[in-house]
Each structure stands twice: as C-alpha cells, then as structure tokens.
C-alpha cells in the first residue's frame, strides 16, 4: 500500500481529534422517572460542524436504571431528521456495563463522527427517562458549544421498541425528555483547514495512483 497515502490518511484523522469536548445535554439527578418503553428523541440544529465523541443515556445517577424499562438495556443514537437515517455509531447500555457517570447521565466513548449543518435528533430507546410534561425542564443543562448548536425542538416519541427516528412530535419544552445525550466539540478553524487540505491530498494521491503508467508484458 502507498506509504504516502497512509501518512496523509493518518494526518486527516489526527486533525479531527478535539482538544476538549463538552457534554451537550447534561441531566441532574432527582427526577421522577416516566419509564417510557418506546423511542424518545430531542431535536437540535447544528449551525456549524461539530465532532461527536461520546453518547450517553439518562440513568438518574444509578447504573441499575440502564437495564431499561423492559430489562433489555438502553440504545442511543443520533439521526438526521431530513433523511431519517442514523449518523455515526449507536451505543448500547446495560446495568452491568462500565460507564462514566456525569450528573444523571452515563456516557461511553464512540468512534468519533462529524455532524454537519442541519437538523438532528438524539434518540433513546427503552430509557427510564424524565418527562418535563410541558413545563420548563429544570433537570437539564444545555450547552450550545458557543452557538454551534441551537435547541429548536421539537421533542419526539413513539411506542416502537427498535432504534430509529420517532414519528410523533411532542409539545414544549424543546428539551422535554431526559433520555439520550452526547458529548461533542467544535474543532478550531485551523483544524478544519488542515482536514480539508488532508482530504485534497488523499484525493490527489489516489488520482496519481490511478493514472500511473503500468508495465505490459508481451
């Protein structure tokens, strides 16, 4: 394999590594659990690209709640609202897993992925969640990552037990449910410039390799 291709590829991946990451939705403990066994989603708008490095599930500060309402664990993922497709990897939580507890949420690291500008929803299935029921959500702290994210709602729900984008929109507030959450960061502009240059380099080397003369034996 082309050594230069490997070097540039490694450069690209190192470039997107964040210096630090913030919990975008951080829940506190002490909420009254709703125990919805279907899907719950919270929509958000990405205004400038962010890098997601971790996914979390609301457990009210107790790992045992991660067994889920039906005892099969909790699944969390991010979905593109326009296409309905999942973006990046999903995360699976169980009451016997090893996670990082931050407030009322348990987090695990996932292979990092970029969310470009657009509408997304963080979705959790079978979570022992909290429902603000139309009132301001006093159990949730929102971090806009300096304006990279807007919390425009709505919250979503349905009774389906498999991971996917919920089909029904719920009423206010926009952060109605404490269910799925994630960790993300906003790389600096210089980092994105290096990423773009790196991908151009990868494309150029692939083009050169494709057009390289080949020896023919007759």
Protein backbone atom coordinates (compact mmCIF):
# COMPACT_ATOMS: atom_id res chain seq x y z
CA UNK A 1 0.00 0.00 0.00
CA UNK A 2 1.19 3.55 -0.79
CA UNK A 3 3.06 4.89 2.26
CA UNK A 4 2.25 8.49 1.33
CA UNK A 5 -1.46 7.60 1.21
CA UNK A 6 -1.25 6.13 4.71
CA UNK A 7 0.60 9.16 6.01
CA UNK A 8 -1.97 11.63 4.67
CA UNK A 9 -4.86 9.50 5.91
CA UNK A 10 -3.34 9.41 9.39
CA UNK A 11 -2.86 13.19 9.20
CA UNK A 12 -6.54 13.68 8.38
CA UNK A 13 -7.74 11.59 11.31
CA UNK A 14 -5.34 13.23 13.75
CA UNK A 15 -6.56 16.63 12.59
CA UNK A 16 -10.14 15.99 13.63
CA UNK A 17 -9.22 14.93 17.16
CA UNK A 18 -10.66 17.52 19.56
CA UNK A 19 -8.56 19.22 22.21
CA UNK A 20 -11.53 19.06 24.58
CA UNK A 21 -15.18 18.05 24.46
CA UNK A 22 -18.30 19.21 26.28
CA UNK A 23 -21.42 17.38 27.39
CA UNK A 24 -24.10 18.92 25.20
CA UNK A 25 -27.04 17.74 27.32
CA UNK A 26 -26.24 17.20 30.98
CA UNK A 27 -29.01 15.99 33.29
CA UNK A 28 -29.08 16.28 37.06
CA UNK A 29 -30.38 13.58 39.39
CA UNK A 30 -33.56 13.54 41.44
CA UNK A 31 -36.09 13.40 38.59
CA UNK A 32 -39.27 11.35 38.71
CA UNK A 33 -38.93 8.51 36.20
CA UNK A 34 -41.53 8.12 33.46
CA UNK A 35 -40.43 4.65 32.24
CA UNK A 36 -41.39 5.02 28.57
CA UNK A 37 -40.58 1.77 26.78
CA UNK A 38 -40.58 3.21 23.24
CA UNK A 39 -38.43 5.77 21.47
CA UNK A 40 -37.76 9.31 22.68
CA UNK A 41 -35.96 11.98 20.69
CA UNK A 42 -34.82 15.56 21.19
CA UNK A 43 -34.26 17.64 18.04
CA UNK A 44 -31.42 20.13 17.67
CA UNK A 45 -29.96 22.28 14.92
CA UNK A 46 -26.27 22.13 14.06
CA UNK A 47 -25.17 25.56 12.81
CA UNK A 48 -21.50 24.76 12.23
CA UNK A 49 -19.78 21.34 12.13
CA UNK A 50 -19.26 19.53 15.43
CA UNK A 51 -17.38 16.36 16.31
CA UNK A 52 -19.28 13.81 18.41
CA UNK A 53 -17.07 11.63 20.60
CA UNK A 54 -19.45 10.06 23.13
CA UNK A 55 -23.08 9.05 23.63
CA UNK A 56 -24.99 8.92 26.89
CA UNK A 57 -28.21 7.64 28.43
CA UNK A 58 -30.17 9.10 31.32
CA UNK A 59 -29.95 6.84 34.37
CA UNK A 60 -30.75 9.36 37.14
CA UNK A 61 -27.31 8.72 38.58
CA UNK A 62 -27.77 4.96 39.05
CA UNK A 63 -26.35 2.40 36.62
CA UNK A 64 -29.09 -0.10 37.54
CA UNK A 65 -31.59 2.10 35.66
CA UNK A 66 -29.73 1.24 32.46
CA UNK A 67 -31.45 -2.14 32.40
CA UNK A 68 -34.22 -0.22 30.63
CA UNK A 69 -37.96 -0.42 31.13
CA UNK A 70 -38.16 -3.92 29.65
CA UNK A 71 -34.91 -5.17 31.15
CA UNK A 72 -33.05 -5.37 27.81
CA UNK A 73 -30.87 -2.30 28.18
CA UNK A 74 -30.98 1.13 26.51
CA UNK A 75 -29.93 2.10 22.98
CA UNK A 76 -28.87 5.62 21.95
CA UNK A 77 -28.03 7.14 18.54
CA UNK A 78 -28.23 10.38 16.55
CA UNK A 79 -30.49 10.61 13.48
CA UNK A 80 -30.68 13.04 10.59
CA UNK A 81 -34.22 14.47 10.72
CA UNK A 82 -34.32 15.16 6.95
CA UNK A 83 -33.31 11.68 5.81
CA UNK A 84 -34.38 9.68 8.86
CA UNK A 85 -31.01 7.90 8.74
CA UNK A 86 -28.69 7.23 11.66
CA UNK A 87 -25.46 9.23 11.75
CA UNK A 88 -22.41 7.59 13.32
CA UNK A 89 -22.44 4.61 15.64
CA UNK A 90 -25.12 3.66 18.15
CA UNK A 91 -24.37 2.96 21.82
CA UNK A 92 -25.81 0.17 23.92
CA UNK A 93 -26.13 0.48 27.71
CA UNK A 94 -26.84 -2.21 30.32
CA UNK A 95 -26.92 -2.19 34.10
CA UNK A 96 -23.73 -4.27 34.22
CA UNK A 97 -21.66 -2.09 31.89
CA UNK A 98 -18.78 0.22 32.75
CA UNK A 99 -19.53 3.87 32.02
CA UNK A 100 -18.59 7.39 33.02
CA UNK A 101 -21.27 8.94 35.23
CA UNK A 102 -21.78 12.72 34.80
CA UNK A 103 -24.72 14.01 36.79
CA UNK A 104 -27.77 12.00 35.79
CA UNK A 105 -26.23 10.51 32.64
CA UNK A 106 -23.99 7.53 31.88
CA UNK A 107 -21.57 8.03 28.98
CA UNK A 108 -19.46 5.82 26.76
CA UNK A 109 -16.92 6.75 24.09
CA UNK A 110 -17.82 6.04 20.46
CA UNK A 111 -15.84 6.27 17.24
CA UNK A 112 -15.93 9.99 16.54
CA UNK A 113 -18.07 11.35 13.70
CA UNK A 114 -18.88 14.78 12.32
CA UNK A 115 -22.33 16.37 12.24
CA UNK A 116 -22.51 19.00 9.53
CA UNK A 117 -25.06 21.85 9.49
CA UNK A 118 -28.61 20.50 9.58
CA UNK A 119 -31.41 19.08 11.75
CA UNK A 120 -30.75 16.11 14.01
CA UNK A 121 -32.37 14.23 16.86
CA UNK A 122 -30.70 12.38 19.74
CA UNK A 123 -32.80 9.24 20.26
CA UNK A 124 -33.02 6.77 23.13
CA UNK A 125 -34.98 3.52 23.28
CA UNK A 126 -36.42 1.94 26.44
CA UNK A 127 -34.88 4.55 28.73
CA UNK A 128 -36.16 5.16 32.27
CA UNK A 129 -36.46 8.81 31.30
CA UNK A 130 -37.79 12.00 32.84
CA UNK A 131 -40.64 13.89 31.11
CA UNK A 132 -40.95 17.62 31.80
CA UNK A 133 -44.63 17.38 30.68
CA UNK A 134 -44.83 20.83 29.11
CA UNK A 135 -43.11 22.62 31.98
CA UNK A 136 -39.58 24.09 31.87
CA UNK A 137 -37.08 21.27 32.24
CA UNK A 138 -35.25 22.02 35.48
CA UNK A 139 -33.24 18.78 35.34
CA UNK A 140 -31.35 19.53 32.13
CA UNK A 141 -28.46 21.87 31.36
CA UNK A 142 -27.92 22.68 27.68
CA UNK A 143 -24.57 23.64 26.14
CA UNK A 144 -24.76 25.29 22.70
CA UNK A 145 -20.99 24.83 22.15
CA UNK A 146 -20.62 28.55 21.59
CA UNK A 147 -23.55 28.75 19.18
CA UNK A 148 -22.65 25.69 17.10
CA UNK A 149 -25.93 24.09 18.27
CA UNK A 150 -29.43 25.52 18.66
CA UNK A 151 -32.11 23.78 20.69
CA UNK A 152 -35.11 24.34 18.45
CA UNK A 153 -37.19 21.26 19.23
CA UNK A 154 -39.45 19.53 18.99
CA UNK A 155 -39.21 16.54 21.28
CA UNK A 156 -40.26 13.26 19.62
CA UNK A 157 -41.80 9.99 20.74
CA UNK A 158 -43.47 6.78 19.62
CA UNK A 159 -44.02 3.29 21.03
CA UNK A 160 -41.63 1.45 18.69
CA UNK A 161 -39.05 -0.66 20.52
CA UNK A 162 -36.33 -0.64 17.84
CA UNK A 163 -33.80 2.14 17.30
CA UNK A 164 -34.92 4.78 14.78
CA UNK A 165 -36.30 8.30 14.43
CA UNK A 166 -39.54 8.67 16.45
CA UNK A 167 -42.55 9.57 14.31
CA UNK A 168 -44.63 11.86 16.58
CA UNK A 169 -43.75 15.40 17.66
CA UNK A 170 -44.48 16.33 21.27
CA UNK A 171 -45.24 19.68 22.88
CA UNK A 172 -42.90 22.05 24.71
CA UNK A 173 -40.37 22.45 26.13
CA UNK A 174 -37.86 21.71 23.36
CA UNK A 175 -35.76 19.74 25.87
CA UNK A 176 -38.79 17.88 27.21
CA UNK A 177 -37.17 14.48 27.77
CA UNK A 178 -34.11 13.43 29.74
CA UNK A 179 -33.16 10.37 27.72
CA UNK A 180 -30.33 10.30 25.15
CA UNK A 181 -27.44 12.76 25.23
CA UNK A 182 -23.98 13.15 23.73
CA UNK A 183 -20.51 14.66 24.04
CA UNK A 184 -19.17 16.89 21.25
CA UNK A 185 -16.66 19.60 20.45
CA UNK A 186 -16.10 22.33 17.88
CA UNK A 187 -12.65 22.00 16.27
CA UNK A 188 -10.87 25.27 15.59
CA UNK A 189 -10.99 26.79 12.11
CA UNK A 190 -7.31 25.98 11.56
CA UNK A 191 -8.06 22.33 12.28
CA UNK A 192 -10.81 22.21 9.64
CA UNK A 193 -8.44 23.85 7.15
CA UNK A 194 -5.91 21.07 7.76
CA UNK A 195 -8.63 18.44 7.38
CA UNK A 196 -9.68 19.87 4.00
CA UNK A 197 -6.08 20.01 2.81
CA UNK A 198 -5.57 16.45 4.01
CA UNK A 199 -8.55 15.14 2.05
CA UNK A 200 -7.38 17.00 -1.05
CA UNK A 201 -4.03 15.27 -0.59
CA UNK A 202 -5.69 11.86 -0.31
CA UNK A 203 -7.72 12.52 -3.47
CA UNK A 204 -4.69 13.74 -5.40
CA UNK A 205 -2.60 10.70 -4.47
CA UNK A 206 -5.44 8.36 -5.40
CA UNK A 207 -5.71 10.16 -8.76
CA UNK A 208 -1.94 9.89 -9.37
CA UNK A 209 -2.01 6.22 -8.50
CA UNK A 210 -4.92 5.61 -10.88
CA UNK A 211 -3.16 7.34 -13.79
CA UNK A 212 0.30 5.89 -13.14
CA UNK A 213 1.70 4.03 -16.20
CA UNK A 214 1.61 0.28 -16.00
CA UNK A 215 4.13 -2.16 -17.45
CA UNK A 216 2.81 -4.59 -20.00
CA UNK A 217 4.44 -7.90 -20.86
CA UNK A 218 4.03 -9.32 -24.33
